[in-house]
Amino acid sequence: MDHAARMARFDETDLYVVITESFCEGRTAVEVLDAVLDAGVRLVQFREKDLEGAELYRRCLAFRERTRHAGALLVVDDRLDVALAVGADGVHLGQTDLPIDAARRVAPELILGASSHDLEQALAAQHAGASYVNIGPIFPTQTKPLPTPALGPDIIDRIAPRLSVPFTCMGGIKAHNIGEVLDRGARHVAVVTAVTDAPDVRAAALELRQAIQARRS
């Protein structure tokens, strides 16, 4: 699949679930992934920052096999090498990771996501060739070792109108506050614990998907 085809499928997605096993409430990441896919989620990120080498590859390959079977897009956090090795659809790069323009030269057909925390970073990522820009963290979150201060939903109003590529929103988004990002035009909402540590993963994913779809109709 080329970049255009991948982005056409990206545009059709709604909820973007980022899965890290340490945030899965004692379940395996694969168990959570299966429930997420069963809820109809078609955009998933594999994020395991504490794994390396063969184990990282093995676990990511399991994600690739399941997402391919479900017809879902798989994005790998940080690691372009692993994304290419398993045949993933994309890689998500933070501010201290491989630069977007370098990644684009190596992987012209992959979806390249870029984290941004302000307008300058978002525009720089877009200029460098990012496929989508993530805006966040919107609300307080504890899913990173050094939490970035919450930007507030108004940051979407400042960044989104300046973008010509799709954007995602992330950071502390839950069922009770997702409306605040949807009101500002978000179409692709990324979450971690709102789904992965929920007592019923499938039900939590469905609830958030329905909220997004209701604003699109």
Protein backbone atom coordinates (compact mmCIF):
# COMPACT_ATOMS: atom_id res chain seq x y z
CA MET A 1 0.00 0.00 0.00
CA ASP A 2 1.36 3.41 -0.90
CA HIS A 3 1.16 6.59 1.18
CA ALA A 4 -1.94 7.91 -0.56
CA ALA A 5 -3.84 4.67 0.03
CA ARG A 6 -2.80 4.58 3.67
CA MET A 7 -3.89 8.17 4.22
CA ALA A 8 -7.23 7.49 2.54
CA ARG A 9 -7.80 4.77 5.12
CA PHE A 10 -6.52 7.05 7.88
CA ASP A 11 -9.15 9.61 6.93
CA GLU A 12 -11.89 7.01 7.47
CA THR A 13 -10.79 6.23 11.03
CA ASP A 14 -12.14 7.84 14.19
CA LEU A 15 -10.63 6.57 17.45
CA TYR A 16 -6.84 6.12 17.59
CA VAL A 17 -5.88 3.74 20.39
CA VAL A 18 -2.31 3.74 21.69
CA ILE A 19 -1.43 0.51 23.49
CA THR A 20 1.31 0.04 26.08
CA GLU A 21 1.15 -3.13 28.14
CA SER A 22 1.99 -1.36 31.41
CA PHE A 23 -1.26 0.62 31.04
CA CYS A 24 -3.42 -2.46 30.40
CA GLU A 25 -4.39 -3.22 34.02
CA GLY A 26 -2.68 -6.61 34.17
CA ARG A 27 -3.88 -7.77 30.76
CA THR A 28 -1.51 -8.40 27.90
CA ALA A 29 -1.25 -5.80 25.18
CA VAL A 30 -2.48 -8.37 22.67
CA GLU A 31 -5.60 -9.07 24.74
CA VAL A 32 -6.38 -5.36 24.78
CA LEU A 33 -5.62 -5.08 21.07
CA ASP A 34 -8.07 -7.88 20.27
CA ALA A 35 -10.83 -6.14 22.22
CA VAL A 36 -10.05 -2.81 20.55
CA LEU A 37 -10.20 -4.34 17.09
CA ASP A 38 -13.43 -6.11 18.00
CA ALA A 39 -14.88 -2.67 18.80
CA GLY A 40 -14.17 -1.59 15.24
CA VAL A 41 -11.11 0.56 15.91
CA ARG A 42 -9.04 0.73 12.73
CA LEU A 43 -6.09 2.87 13.84
CA VAL A 44 -3.76 1.49 16.50
CA GLN A 45 -0.35 2.51 17.81
CA PHE A 46 2.11 0.03 19.28
CA ARG A 47 4.06 1.87 21.98
CA GLU A 48 6.55 -0.02 24.16
CA LYS A 49 9.33 2.37 25.13
CA ASP A 50 11.01 -0.03 27.57
CA LEU A 51 11.52 -2.92 25.14
CA GLU A 52 14.39 -3.44 22.73
CA GLY A 53 15.67 -5.85 20.12
CA ALA A 54 14.09 -9.21 19.50
CA GLU A 55 11.35 -8.82 22.13
CA LEU A 56 10.22 -5.48 20.73
CA TYR A 57 10.13 -6.95 17.23
CA ARG A 58 8.28 -10.08 18.37
CA ARG A 59 5.54 -8.16 20.13
CA CYS A 60 5.16 -5.65 17.33
CA LEU A 61 4.92 -8.46 14.79
CA ALA A 62 2.01 -9.93 16.77
CA PHE A 63 0.29 -6.54 16.50
CA ARG A 64 0.95 -6.45 12.77
CA GLU A 65 -0.56 -9.88 12.22
CA ARG A 66 -3.74 -8.98 14.10
CA THR A 67 -4.17 -5.51 12.63
CA ARG A 68 -3.62 -6.81 9.10
CA HIS A 69 -6.26 -9.48 9.61
CA ALA A 70 -8.70 -6.84 10.89
CA GLY A 71 -7.93 -4.36 8.12
CA ALA A 72 -6.60 -1.84 10.65
CA LEU A 73 -3.70 0.58 10.30
CA LEU A 74 -0.72 -0.04 12.56
CA VAL A 75 1.57 2.81 13.63
CA VAL A 76 4.72 2.12 15.64
CA ASP A 77 5.88 4.62 18.23
CA ASP A 78 9.40 6.05 17.76
CA ARG A 79 11.00 3.12 15.94
CA LEU A 80 11.14 3.48 12.17
CA ASP A 81 13.36 0.40 11.91
CA VAL A 82 10.80 -1.78 13.69
CA ALA A 83 7.93 -0.30 11.66
CA LEU A 84 9.73 -1.23 8.44
CA ALA A 85 10.74 -4.66 9.73
CA VAL A 86 7.18 -5.73 10.58
CA GLY A 87 5.54 -4.05 7.59
CA ALA A 88 3.63 -1.50 9.67
CA ASP A 89 1.66 1.33 8.06
CA GLY A 90 3.45 4.12 9.84
CA VAL A 91 5.60 5.46 12.62
CA HIS A 92 4.92 8.20 15.15
CA LEU A 93 7.86 10.47 15.94
CA GLY A 94 8.32 12.78 18.89
CA GLN A 95 10.32 15.97 19.10
CA THR A 96 13.52 14.13 20.08
CA ASP A 97 13.15 11.21 17.64
CA LEU A 98 14.39 10.83 14.08
CA PRO A 99 13.49 14.02 12.17
CA ILE A 100 10.44 13.78 9.92
CA ASP A 101 12.31 14.74 6.74
CA ALA A 102 14.92 12.03 7.35
CA ALA A 103 12.22 9.44 8.01
CA ARG A 104 10.41 10.48 4.84
CA ARG A 105 13.55 9.87 2.75
CA VAL A 106 13.88 6.37 4.19
CA ALA A 107 10.18 5.47 4.16
CA PRO A 108 8.34 7.53 1.53
CA GLU A 109 5.20 5.37 1.61
CA LEU A 110 4.69 5.20 5.37
CA ILE A 111 2.35 7.36 7.42
CA LEU A 112 4.58 9.67 9.46
CA GLY A 113 2.97 11.12 12.55
CA ALA A 114 4.59 13.96 14.46
CA SER A 115 4.05 15.12 18.03
CA SER A 116 3.60 18.85 18.53
CA HIS A 117 3.10 20.97 21.61
CA ASP A 118 2.73 24.36 19.97
CA LEU A 119 2.06 26.02 16.62
CA GLU A 120 5.73 26.35 15.68
CA GLN A 121 6.36 22.62 16.14
CA ALA A 122 3.19 21.69 14.25
CA LEU A 123 4.04 23.85 11.27
CA ALA A 124 7.64 22.62 11.23
CA ALA A 125 6.46 19.00 11.18
CA GLN A 126 4.04 19.72 8.35
CA HIS A 127 6.77 21.46 6.36
CA ALA A 128 9.12 18.51 6.92
CA GLY A 129 6.63 16.06 5.42
CA ALA A 130 4.51 14.75 8.29
CA SER A 131 1.40 12.85 7.22
CA TYR A 132 -0.46 13.99 10.33
CA VAL A 133 0.33 16.17 13.33
CA ASN A 134 -0.64 15.26 16.87
CA ILE A 135 -1.66 18.14 19.13
CA GLY A 136 -1.25 17.56 22.83
CA PRO A 137 -1.36 16.87 25.63
CA ILE A 138 -4.78 18.49 25.73
CA PHE A 139 -5.63 17.53 29.32
CA PRO A 140 -3.37 16.35 32.18
CA THR A 141 -1.96 12.88 31.58
CA GLN A 142 0.34 10.47 33.40
CA THR A 143 1.19 8.19 30.49
CA LYS A 144 4.65 9.70 29.98
CA PRO A 145 7.55 9.51 32.46
CA LEU A 146 7.93 13.31 32.42
CA PRO A 147 4.42 14.66 31.88
CA THR A 148 4.16 17.70 29.63
CA PRO A 149 1.89 20.41 31.06
CA ALA A 150 -1.63 20.23 29.64
CA LEU A 151 -2.19 22.70 26.82
CA GLY A 152 -5.97 22.91 27.13
CA PRO A 153 -8.47 22.34 24.32
CA ASP A 154 -8.10 25.92 23.05
CA ILE A 155 -4.70 24.95 21.59
CA ILE A 156 -6.63 23.17 18.86
CA ASP A 157 -8.16 26.48 17.78
CA ARG A 158 -4.70 27.98 17.46
CA ILE A 159 -3.06 25.14 15.54
CA ALA A 160 -5.66 23.27 13.49
CA PRO A 161 -6.67 26.14 11.15
CA ARG A 162 -3.03 26.53 10.09
CA LEU A 163 -2.60 22.90 9.08
CA SER A 164 -3.09 21.42 5.63
CA VAL A 165 -2.51 17.85 6.87
CA PRO A 166 -4.81 15.91 9.21
CA PHE A 167 -4.36 16.28 12.95
CA THR A 168 -4.96 14.07 15.94
CA CYS A 169 -5.50 15.15 19.55
CA MET A 170 -4.17 13.32 22.58
CA GLY A 171 -3.61 13.62 26.29
CA GLY A 172 -6.07 12.90 29.07
CA ILE A 173 -9.05 12.58 26.73
CA LYS A 174 -11.87 10.57 28.31
CA ALA A 175 -15.57 10.02 27.71
CA HIS A 176 -16.48 12.98 29.95
CA ASN A 177 -14.32 15.53 28.10
CA ILE A 178 -14.05 14.25 24.53
CA GLY A 179 -16.76 16.72 23.52
CA GLU A 180 -14.37 19.59 24.20
CA VAL A 181 -12.01 18.43 21.44
CA LEU A 182 -14.80 17.39 19.09
CA ASP A 183 -16.35 20.86 19.44
CA ARG A 184 -13.09 22.24 18.04
CA GLY A 185 -13.14 20.09 14.93
CA ALA A 186 -11.16 17.03 15.99
CA ARG A 187 -11.96 14.01 13.80
CA HIS A 188 -9.22 11.64 14.99
CA VAL A 189 -8.93 11.34 18.76
CA ALA A 190 -6.04 9.43 20.31
CA VAL A 191 -6.35 7.79 23.73
CA VAL A 192 -4.44 5.44 25.97
CA THR A 193 -5.91 4.68 29.39
CA ALA A 194 -9.45 5.77 28.53
CA VAL A 195 -9.57 2.44 26.71
CA THR A 196 -6.62 0.29 27.74
CA ASP A 197 -7.25 0.26 31.50
CA ALA A 198 -11.04 0.29 31.28
CA PRO A 199 -12.82 -2.63 32.95
CA ASP A 200 -14.48 -3.37 29.60
CA VAL A 201 -12.07 -2.37 26.83
CA ARG A 202 -14.46 -3.06 23.99
CA ALA A 203 -17.29 -1.05 25.57
CA ALA A 204 -14.99 1.89 26.33
CA ALA A 205 -13.74 1.98 22.74
CA LEU A 206 -17.26 1.77 21.37
CA GLU A 207 -18.44 4.64 23.58
CA LEU A 208 -15.67 6.93 22.36
CA ARG A 209 -16.13 5.90 18.72
CA GLN A 210 -19.83 6.65 18.92
CA ALA A 211 -19.14 10.09 20.38
CA ILE A 212 -16.82 10.91 17.47
CA GLN A 213 -19.17 9.54 14.85
CA ALA A 214 -22.10 11.48 16.28
CA ARG A 215 -20.26 14.76 15.59
CA ARG A 216 -19.41 13.71 12.04
CA SER A 217 -22.97 12.91 11.04
